[in-house]
Amino acid sequence: MYCICREHAELAVDKFVDEYEDAPDLINLQTTVFTAWEPPEKCDWCDNPAEILVI
């Protein structure tokens, strides 16, 4: 699972596919509300705001 900015979306998808040999689901963190989990504010790979959850 990765919380990433739009700039790192392609890299995160590639890494996910390499690791799990399956296509990930991409969830827009700007429009999705979670009841039991608070997403991080920053991208896992830089200091930009996290916008996409790759699972």
N, C-alpha and C. Protein backbone atom coordinates (compact mmCIF):
# COMPACT_ATOMS: atom_id res chain seq x y z
N MET A 1 0.85 -1.17 0.00
CA MET A 1 0.00 0.00 0.00
C MET A 1 0.90 1.23 0.00
N TYR A 2 0.58 2.17 -0.87
CA TYR A 2 1.34 3.41 -0.96
C TYR A 2 0.38 4.59 -0.96
N CYS A 3 0.73 5.63 -0.26
CA CYS A 3 0.01 6.90 -0.32
C CYS A 3 0.96 7.85 -1.03
N ILE A 4 0.57 8.28 -2.22
CA ILE A 4 1.52 9.01 -3.06
C ILE A 4 0.87 10.25 -3.68
N CYS A 5 1.74 11.13 -4.18
CA CYS A 5 1.29 12.30 -4.93
C CYS A 5 1.10 11.87 -6.40
N ARG A 6 0.51 12.74 -7.19
CA ARG A 6 0.28 12.41 -8.60
C ARG A 6 1.59 12.21 -9.36
N GLU A 7 2.62 12.92 -8.95
CA GLU A 7 3.92 12.81 -9.60
C GLU A 7 4.50 11.40 -9.51
N HIS A 8 4.22 10.70 -8.42
CA HIS A 8 4.78 9.36 -8.21
C HIS A 8 3.79 8.24 -8.52
N ALA A 9 2.66 8.55 -9.13
CA ALA A 9 1.63 7.53 -9.40
C ALA A 9 2.16 6.41 -10.29
N GLU A 10 2.80 6.75 -11.39
CA GLU A 10 3.29 5.72 -12.31
C GLU A 10 4.34 4.83 -11.63
N LEU A 11 5.23 5.43 -10.88
CA LEU A 11 6.26 4.68 -10.17
C LEU A 11 5.63 3.73 -9.14
N ALA A 12 4.63 4.20 -8.41
CA ALA A 12 3.97 3.37 -7.40
C ALA A 12 3.24 2.20 -8.04
N VAL A 13 2.57 2.44 -9.16
CA VAL A 13 1.87 1.35 -9.86
C VAL A 13 2.87 0.32 -10.35
N ASP A 14 3.97 0.77 -10.96
CA ASP A 14 5.00 -0.16 -11.43
C ASP A 14 5.57 -0.99 -10.28
N LYS A 15 5.86 -0.35 -9.16
CA LYS A 15 6.42 -1.05 -8.01
C LYS A 15 5.42 -2.06 -7.45
N PHE A 16 4.15 -1.69 -7.39
CA PHE A 16 3.10 -2.58 -6.91
C PHE A 16 2.99 -3.81 -7.80
N VAL A 17 2.97 -3.61 -9.11
CA VAL A 17 2.87 -4.72 -10.06
C VAL A 17 4.08 -5.63 -9.95
N ASP A 18 5.26 -5.06 -9.82
CA ASP A 18 6.48 -5.87 -9.65
C ASP A 18 6.42 -6.72 -8.39
N GLU A 19 5.90 -6.14 -7.32
CA GLU A 19 5.87 -6.83 -6.04
C GLU A 19 4.76 -7.87 -5.94
N TYR A 20 3.56 -7.53 -6.40
CA TYR A 20 2.39 -8.40 -6.21
C TYR A 20 1.93 -9.10 -7.48
N GLU A 21 2.50 -8.76 -8.63
CA GLU A 21 2.14 -9.35 -9.92
C GLU A 21 0.65 -9.25 -10.20
N ASP A 22 0.07 -8.13 -9.83
CA ASP A 22 -1.34 -7.86 -10.04
C ASP A 22 -1.52 -6.35 -10.14
N ALA A 23 -2.56 -5.92 -10.82
CA ALA A 23 -2.83 -4.49 -10.95
C ALA A 23 -3.42 -3.95 -9.65
N PRO A 24 -2.99 -2.77 -9.21
CA PRO A 24 -3.53 -2.20 -7.97
C PRO A 24 -4.84 -1.45 -8.21
N ASP A 25 -5.51 -1.17 -7.13
CA ASP A 25 -6.64 -0.24 -7.13
C ASP A 25 -6.08 1.12 -6.76
N LEU A 26 -6.57 2.16 -7.42
CA LEU A 26 -6.16 3.53 -7.12
C LEU A 26 -7.35 4.26 -6.52
N ILE A 27 -7.16 4.82 -5.34
CA ILE A 27 -8.23 5.51 -4.64
C ILE A 27 -7.83 6.97 -4.45
N ASN A 28 -8.72 7.87 -4.86
CA ASN A 28 -8.48 9.30 -4.72
C ASN A 28 -8.68 9.69 -3.25
N LEU A 29 -7.61 10.11 -2.61
CA LEU A 29 -7.69 10.48 -1.19
C LEU A 29 -8.41 11.81 -0.96
N GLN A 30 -8.59 12.58 -2.02
CA GLN A 30 -9.27 13.88 -1.88
C GLN A 30 -10.79 13.71 -1.79
N THR A 31 -11.32 12.60 -2.32
CA THR A 31 -12.77 12.41 -2.36
C THR A 31 -13.26 11.23 -1.54
N THR A 32 -12.35 10.48 -0.90
CA THR A 32 -12.72 9.29 -0.15
C THR A 32 -12.53 9.55 1.34
N VAL A 33 -13.50 9.12 2.13
CA VAL A 33 -13.44 9.27 3.58
C VAL A 33 -13.36 7.87 4.19
N PHE A 34 -12.43 7.68 5.11
CA PHE A 34 -12.26 6.42 5.80
C PHE A 34 -12.73 6.58 7.24
N THR A 35 -13.41 5.57 7.77
CA THR A 35 -13.92 5.67 9.14
C THR A 35 -12.89 5.23 10.18
N ALA A 36 -12.02 4.30 9.84
CA ALA A 36 -11.10 3.75 10.84
C ALA A 36 -9.63 3.99 10.50
N TRP A 37 -9.36 4.86 9.54
CA TRP A 37 -7.98 5.10 9.13
C TRP A 37 -7.84 6.53 8.63
N GLU A 38 -6.80 7.17 9.06
CA GLU A 38 -6.50 8.54 8.61
C GLU A 38 -5.28 8.47 7.69
N PRO A 39 -5.45 8.80 6.41
CA PRO A 39 -4.30 8.73 5.50
C PRO A 39 -3.24 9.76 5.84
N PRO A 40 -1.98 9.47 5.53
CA PRO A 40 -0.93 10.44 5.79
C PRO A 40 -1.11 11.69 4.93
N GLU A 41 -0.59 12.78 5.39
CA GLU A 41 -0.72 14.04 4.65
C GLU A 41 0.29 14.14 3.52
N LYS A 42 1.43 13.47 3.64
CA LYS A 42 2.50 13.61 2.65
C LYS A 42 2.71 12.31 1.88
N CYS A 43 3.19 12.45 0.67
CA CYS A 43 3.55 11.33 -0.20
C CYS A 43 4.59 10.46 0.50
N ASP A 44 4.52 9.15 0.25
CA ASP A 44 5.50 8.23 0.84
C ASP A 44 6.91 8.47 0.31
N TRP A 45 7.03 9.12 -0.85
CA TRP A 45 8.33 9.27 -1.50
C TRP A 45 8.83 10.70 -1.63
N CYS A 46 8.01 11.66 -1.23
CA CYS A 46 8.46 13.07 -1.26
C CYS A 46 7.62 13.86 -0.26
N ASP A 47 7.78 15.16 -0.26
CA ASP A 47 7.05 16.02 0.69
C ASP A 47 5.77 16.62 0.10
N ASN A 48 5.39 16.22 -1.10
CA ASN A 48 4.13 16.69 -1.70
C ASN A 48 2.94 16.07 -0.98
N PRO A 49 1.78 16.69 -1.06
CA PRO A 49 0.58 16.11 -0.43
C PRO A 49 0.23 14.76 -1.04
N ALA A 50 -0.16 13.81 -0.21
CA ALA A 50 -0.62 12.51 -0.69
C ALA A 50 -2.00 12.67 -1.30
N GLU A 51 -2.18 12.22 -2.54
CA GLU A 51 -3.44 12.37 -3.23
C GLU A 51 -4.05 11.04 -3.65
N ILE A 52 -3.23 9.98 -3.73
CA ILE A 52 -3.69 8.70 -4.26
C ILE A 52 -3.24 7.58 -3.33
N LEU A 53 -4.16 6.67 -3.05
CA LEU A 53 -3.86 5.45 -2.30
C LEU A 53 -3.76 4.32 -3.31
N VAL A 54 -2.64 3.63 -3.32
CA VAL A 54 -2.40 2.51 -4.22
C VAL A 54 -2.48 1.24 -3.38
N ILE A 55 -3.51 0.42 -3.64
CA ILE A 55 -3.67 -0.84 -2.89
C ILE A 55 -4.01 -1.99 -3.83
